[in-house]
Every structure is written in structure tokens, then in C-alpha cells.
Protein backbone atom coordinates (compact mmCIF):
# COMPACT_ATOMS: atom_id res chain seq x y z
CA MET A 1 -44.53 -91.80 -17.22
CA LYS A 2 -48.04 -91.42 -17.86
CA GLU A 3 -49.13 -89.57 -20.72
CA THR A 4 -51.37 -87.35 -18.62
CA GLU A 5 -48.19 -86.64 -16.39
CA PHE A 6 -46.34 -86.28 -19.20
CA LEU A 7 -48.37 -83.80 -20.57
CA ALA A 8 -48.85 -81.98 -17.00
CA VAL A 9 -45.05 -81.78 -16.75
CA GLU A 10 -44.63 -80.70 -20.25
CA GLU A 11 -48.08 -77.45 -19.47
CA THR A 12 -45.38 -77.02 -16.46
CA ALA A 13 -42.90 -76.08 -18.23
CA SER A 14 -43.84 -73.90 -20.99
CA LYS A 15 -45.27 -71.55 -18.45
CA VAL A 16 -41.99 -71.62 -16.81
CA ASP A 17 -40.83 -70.52 -19.33
CA GLU A 18 -43.34 -67.96 -20.72
CA SER A 19 -42.80 -66.39 -17.20
CA LEU A 20 -39.18 -66.50 -17.98
CA THR A 21 -39.13 -64.42 -21.28
CA SER A 22 -39.13 -60.68 -19.56
CA LEU A 23 -39.02 -58.85 -16.23
CA LEU A 24 -42.69 -58.67 -15.55
CA PRO A 25 -44.71 -61.45 -15.14
CA THR A 26 -48.26 -61.33 -17.77
CA PRO A 27 -51.15 -59.74 -16.41
CA GLU A 28 -53.25 -63.19 -14.50
CA MET A 29 -49.95 -63.98 -12.66
CA LEU A 30 -50.38 -60.36 -11.36
CA ALA A 31 -53.61 -60.83 -10.44
CA GLN A 32 -52.91 -63.73 -8.05
CA TYR A 33 -49.84 -62.84 -6.79
CA ASN A 34 -52.56 -59.61 -5.79
CA ASP A 35 -54.42 -62.00 -4.35
CA LEU A 36 -52.33 -63.95 -2.66
CA GLY A 37 -51.01 -60.09 -0.51
CA ALA A 38 -51.69 -56.87 -1.02
CA GLU A 39 -50.06 -55.10 -3.30
CA ALA A 40 -47.84 -57.81 -3.94
CA ALA A 41 -48.31 -56.96 -7.74
CA GLU A 42 -47.51 -53.43 -7.13
CA ARG A 43 -44.13 -54.74 -5.10
CA ILE A 44 -43.40 -57.26 -8.15
CA ILE A 45 -43.59 -53.86 -10.61
CA ALA A 46 -41.19 -52.01 -8.88
CA ILE A 47 -38.84 -54.58 -8.20
CA ALA A 48 -39.07 -54.65 -11.90
CA GLU A 49 -38.75 -51.60 -12.99
CA LYS A 50 -35.26 -50.76 -10.74
CA GLU A 51 -33.79 -54.08 -12.13
CA GLN A 52 -33.93 -51.98 -15.58
CA GLU A 53 -32.88 -48.34 -14.13
CA HIS A 54 -29.67 -51.33 -12.86
CA ARG A 55 -29.51 -52.17 -16.13
CA HIS A 56 -29.19 -49.46 -17.72
CA LYS A 57 -26.97 -47.75 -14.81
CA MET A 58 -24.03 -50.57 -15.72
CA GLN A 59 -24.55 -50.09 -19.44
CA GLU A 60 -24.09 -46.52 -19.19
CA LYS A 61 -20.96 -46.91 -17.06
CA LEU A 62 -19.83 -49.99 -19.92
CA LEU A 63 -20.16 -47.29 -22.81
CA ASP A 64 -17.79 -44.67 -20.74
CA ALA A 65 -15.61 -47.20 -19.92
CA ARG A 66 -15.31 -47.86 -23.91
CA LEU A 67 -15.02 -44.44 -24.27
CA LEU A 68 -12.40 -43.83 -21.82
CA ALA A 69 -10.07 -46.88 -22.90
CA LEU A 70 -10.62 -45.11 -26.80
CA ARG A 71 -9.71 -42.14 -25.60
CA GLN A 72 -6.41 -43.20 -23.35
CA ALA A 73 -5.82 -45.30 -26.35
CA ARG A 74 -5.55 -42.02 -28.90
CA ASN A 75 -3.69 -39.55 -25.84
CA GLU A 76 -0.86 -42.69 -26.02
CA ARG A 77 -0.49 -43.16 -29.88
CA ARG A 78 -0.15 -39.13 -29.89
CA LEU A 79 2.10 -39.55 -27.25
CA TRP A 80 4.44 -41.86 -29.17
CA GLN A 81 3.94 -39.90 -32.78
CA VAL A 82 5.43 -36.48 -30.34
CA PHE A 83 8.37 -39.14 -29.17
CA ALA A 84 9.38 -40.91 -33.01
CA PHE A 85 8.62 -37.27 -33.80
CA ALA A 86 11.47 -36.07 -31.44
CA LEU A 87 13.85 -39.01 -31.77
CA ALA A 88 14.23 -37.78 -35.72
CA VAL A 89 14.98 -34.54 -34.82
CA VAL A 90 17.29 -35.48 -32.99
CA SER A 91 18.42 -38.40 -35.71
CA VAL A 92 18.47 -35.75 -38.13
CA ILE A 93 20.26 -33.10 -35.83
CA CYS A 94 23.17 -34.77 -35.41
CA GLY A 95 23.85 -36.53 -38.28
CA SER A 96 24.25 -31.97 -39.60
CA ILE A 97 26.44 -32.09 -36.76
CA ALA A 98 28.17 -35.53 -37.80
CA ALA A 99 28.70 -34.19 -41.70
CA MET A 100 29.29 -30.95 -40.05
CA LEU A 101 32.43 -32.33 -38.37
CA GLY A 102 33.91 -34.27 -41.25
CA GLU A 103 32.19 -37.54 -41.26
CA PRO A 104 29.34 -37.61 -44.15
CA ILE A 105 29.04 -41.25 -44.21
CA ALA A 106 27.96 -41.10 -40.82
CA GLY A 107 25.88 -38.27 -40.67
CA GLU A 108 24.15 -39.23 -43.69
CA VAL A 109 23.64 -42.95 -42.44
CA ILE A 110 22.69 -41.50 -39.05
CA GLY A 111 19.95 -38.90 -40.57
CA ALA A 112 18.40 -41.81 -42.40
CA VAL A 113 17.75 -43.65 -40.15
CA GLY A 114 15.70 -41.35 -37.90
CA VAL A 115 13.64 -40.27 -41.39
CA VAL A 116 12.97 -44.22 -41.67
CA GLY A 117 12.26 -44.34 -38.71
CA LEU A 118 9.71 -41.25 -38.02
CA VAL A 119 8.16 -42.22 -41.70
CA VAL A 120 7.84 -46.39 -40.36
CA VAL A 121 6.24 -45.13 -36.77
CA PHE A 122 3.44 -42.91 -38.72
CA VAL A 123 2.66 -45.39 -41.28
CA PHE A 124 1.98 -48.53 -38.85
CA SER A 125 0.03 -45.38 -36.40
CA PHE A 126 -2.22 -45.00 -39.42
CA ARG A 127 -2.81 -48.18 -39.69
CA GLU A 128 -3.82 -49.00 -36.37
CA VAL A 129 -6.72 -46.11 -36.54
CA GLN A 130 -8.05 -47.82 -39.51
């Protein structure tokens, strides 16, 4: 390839890169488009406006989806905490009943397992939030 051809290709590539860096062509290019056809520049601007509007809608949808996922995760953690608390209460009640029926060691073990399980669930759910 001759040096002049190389420079011409390089200049063309530079112009293409320049024109593709934004949604809108340069004012000079818009004027050239208007020379080609009636209202061509206005149509190009309208296309760019529609594209920008579409991008904004997609970003808004993405943000809404992320917020929904965060809310669902928070509600799920809350539900697991409620279940863990209910299980601990049932465990303590069962341990108390076992102790009243003459099995104090079994009652202590059952009650302790429930309380320790409750503490573990709350500690891990607190660490997930942070």
C-alpha cells in the first residue's frame, strides 16, 4: 500500500471513529445529510432522541428490577427470622414440658438447641445485611 493510500485510509478511519463516538453526527455531517434530502438531519436527530429515550427507559427498568430484588431479599430474610423465632419458641416450650415430665436433662438440651439455633440465625442474617 502506498503512503498516500495509507494516509487516506487512516483519515477515513479517524472520521468514522469520530462520528461513532456520540449518538448524533457532527453539525457538518448533519448539513451534508440535509444537502442529500429534505429534512434528513431532523430525521437523524429524531432517531437519536428516540434512542436516548429508549436507553433511559431500559435504565429505569433495570433500577426497578434491582430494587424489587432487594425488597424480595429483605422480605425473605425477615420470613426466615420469623420461622427461626417460632422454632426456638417451640423448642423452649417442648424443653419445658420435657423437664416438667421428669426429664430435666432432655428438657435442657431441647431448649438449649432451640435458643442456640435462634442466635445463629440472627447472627448470620445480621452479617448478610452488612
